[in-house]
N, C-alpha and C. Protein backbone atom coordinates (compact mmCIF):
# COMPACT_ATOMS: atom_id res chain seq x y z
N UNK A 1 132.04 84.10 65.96
CA UNK A 1 132.02 82.81 66.25
C UNK A 1 131.89 81.82 65.70
N UNK A 2 132.06 80.61 65.34
CA UNK A 2 132.27 79.81 64.49
C UNK A 2 131.12 79.35 63.14
N UNK A 3 130.58 79.52 62.54
CA UNK A 3 129.82 79.02 61.18
C UNK A 3 129.94 77.43 61.20
N UNK A 4 129.35 76.49 61.16
CA UNK A 4 128.85 75.17 60.76
C UNK A 4 128.02 75.01 59.91
N UNK A 5 128.65 74.35 58.24
CA UNK A 5 127.32 73.28 57.57
C UNK A 5 127.07 72.69 57.72
N UNK A 6 126.04 71.91 57.92
CA UNK A 6 126.60 70.42 58.36
C UNK A 6 125.30 69.65 57.45
N UNK A 7 125.30 69.17 56.88
CA UNK A 7 124.46 68.22 55.72
C UNK A 7 124.88 66.39 55.58
N UNK A 8 123.77 66.01 55.84
CA UNK A 8 123.47 64.30 55.27
C UNK A 8 123.16 64.24 54.34
N UNK A 9 124.07 63.30 53.12
CA UNK A 9 123.45 62.24 51.95
C UNK A 9 123.31 60.63 52.43
N UNK A 10 121.57 61.08 52.18
CA UNK A 10 121.43 58.67 52.32
C UNK A 10 121.49 57.31 51.05
N UNK A 11 122.34 57.23 50.43
CA UNK A 11 122.64 56.43 49.60
C UNK A 11 122.26 55.37 50.18
N UNK A 12 121.60 54.02 49.28
CA UNK A 12 121.28 53.48 49.83
C UNK A 12 120.68 52.58 51.50
N UNK A 13 122.02 52.49 51.43
CA UNK A 13 121.35 51.20 52.93
C UNK A 13 122.49 52.55 54.03
N UNK A 14 123.32 53.46 53.73
CA UNK A 14 124.34 54.27 54.58
C UNK A 14 124.06 56.03 54.49
N UNK A 15 124.34 56.30 55.70
CA UNK A 15 123.82 57.97 55.65
C UNK A 15 125.39 58.35 56.24
N UNK A 16 125.81 59.42 54.93
CA UNK A 16 126.79 60.00 55.02
C UNK A 16 127.00 61.66 55.75
N UNK A 17 127.88 62.19 57.50
CA UNK A 17 127.52 63.03 57.52
C UNK A 17 127.97 63.93 57.29
N UNK A 18 128.05 65.22 56.59
CA UNK A 18 129.05 66.15 55.75
C UNK A 18 129.68 67.55 57.22
N UNK A 19 130.31 67.62 58.05
CA UNK A 19 130.68 69.21 58.49
C UNK A 19 131.60 70.15 57.59
N UNK A 20 131.60 71.48 56.96
CA UNK A 20 131.94 71.97 55.89
C UNK A 20 132.87 71.39 54.96
N UNK A 21 131.60 70.20 54.62
CA UNK A 21 132.58 69.73 52.97
C UNK A 21 133.42 67.78 53.60
N UNK A 22 133.00 68.34 55.15
CA UNK A 22 134.34 67.62 55.24
C UNK A 22 133.56 66.02 56.13
N UNK A 23 134.02 65.24 56.11
CA UNK A 23 132.72 63.57 56.14
C UNK A 23 133.60 63.75 57.55
N UNK A 24 132.96 63.58 58.39
CA UNK A 24 132.32 63.29 59.93
C UNK A 24 131.88 62.46 60.43
N UNK A 25 131.44 61.58 59.72
CA UNK A 25 130.18 60.48 60.38
C UNK A 25 130.09 59.31 59.31
N UNK A 26 129.72 58.36 59.24
CA UNK A 26 129.07 56.80 57.76
C UNK A 26 128.53 56.34 59.43
N UNK A 27 127.44 56.15 59.01
CA UNK A 27 126.68 54.99 59.31
C UNK A 27 125.89 54.31 58.63
N UNK A 28 126.39 52.64 58.13
CA UNK A 28 124.91 51.62 57.54
C UNK A 28 123.43 51.57 58.47
N UNK A 29 122.41 52.37 58.11
CA UNK A 29 121.51 52.21 58.46
C UNK A 29 120.76 50.89 58.76
N UNK A 30 121.02 49.62 58.54
CA UNK A 30 119.71 48.24 58.41
C UNK A 30 120.39 47.86 59.24
N UNK A 31 121.60 48.23 60.06
CA UNK A 31 123.03 46.86 60.55
C UNK A 31 123.09 48.30 61.43
N UNK A 32 123.10 49.30 61.51
CA UNK A 32 122.61 49.85 63.72
C UNK A 32 124.54 50.29 63.66
N UNK A 33 125.47 49.51 62.41
CA UNK A 33 127.01 50.30 62.85
C UNK A 33 127.45 51.62 62.01
N UNK A 34 128.57 52.31 62.90
CA UNK A 34 128.80 54.00 61.97
C UNK A 34 130.24 53.74 62.26
N UNK A 35 130.81 54.82 61.79
CA UNK A 35 132.31 55.12 61.57
C UNK A 35 132.49 56.21 62.94
N UNK A 36 132.99 56.51 63.31
CA UNK A 36 133.29 58.22 62.76
C UNK A 36 134.28 58.77 62.76
N UNK A 37 134.81 59.53 62.20
CA UNK A 37 135.95 59.92 61.02
C UNK A 37 136.57 61.28 61.80
N UNK A 38 136.17 62.32 62.11
CA UNK A 38 136.48 63.54 62.65
C UNK A 38 136.18 63.35 64.49
N UNK A 39 137.03 62.19 64.38
CA UNK A 39 136.28 62.90 66.08
C UNK A 39 135.79 64.49 67.23
N UNK A 40 136.90 64.49 67.03
CA UNK A 40 136.92 66.43 66.89
C UNK A 40 135.22 67.14 66.72
N UNK A 41 135.33 67.17 65.44
CA UNK A 41 134.29 68.00 65.41
C UNK A 41 133.05 67.34 65.37
N UNK A 42 132.81 66.45 65.16
CA UNK A 42 131.89 65.27 65.96
C UNK A 42 130.83 65.27 66.99
N UNK A 43 131.93 65.37 68.14
CA UNK A 43 131.83 65.54 69.41
C UNK A 43 130.98 66.86 70.01
N UNK A 44 132.25 68.03 68.79
CA UNK A 44 132.58 69.53 69.75
C UNK A 44 130.93 69.80 69.59
N UNK A 45 130.78 69.79 67.96
CA UNK A 45 129.48 70.15 67.90
C UNK A 45 128.51 69.95 67.15
N UNK A 46 128.44 69.10 66.15
CA UNK A 46 127.77 67.52 65.73
C UNK A 46 126.20 67.67 66.35
N UNK A 47 126.70 67.04 68.07
CA UNK A 47 125.29 66.48 68.41
C UNK A 47 124.48 67.54 68.94
N UNK A 48 124.74 68.47 68.52
CA UNK A 48 123.80 69.80 69.11
C UNK A 48 122.53 70.50 68.10
N UNK A 49 123.74 69.95 67.11
CA UNK A 49 123.34 71.08 66.51
C UNK A 49 122.68 69.67 65.49
N UNK A 50 122.38 68.40 64.85
CA UNK A 50 121.33 67.60 64.87
C UNK A 50 119.99 67.66 65.65
N UNK A 51 120.34 67.67 66.84
CA UNK A 51 119.29 67.66 67.32
C UNK A 51 118.28 68.04 67.28
């Protein structure tokens, strides 16, 4: 079984989502825009882990 360390950092208007120390998602909170850096990791495990 794989273990994933997920954490988020909010700086000003930006949310950064990291998985195992790698930036996988960035979101601008006021604008609602986002960018996915690693689609495979984000889709495969993140949605289950965050909810």
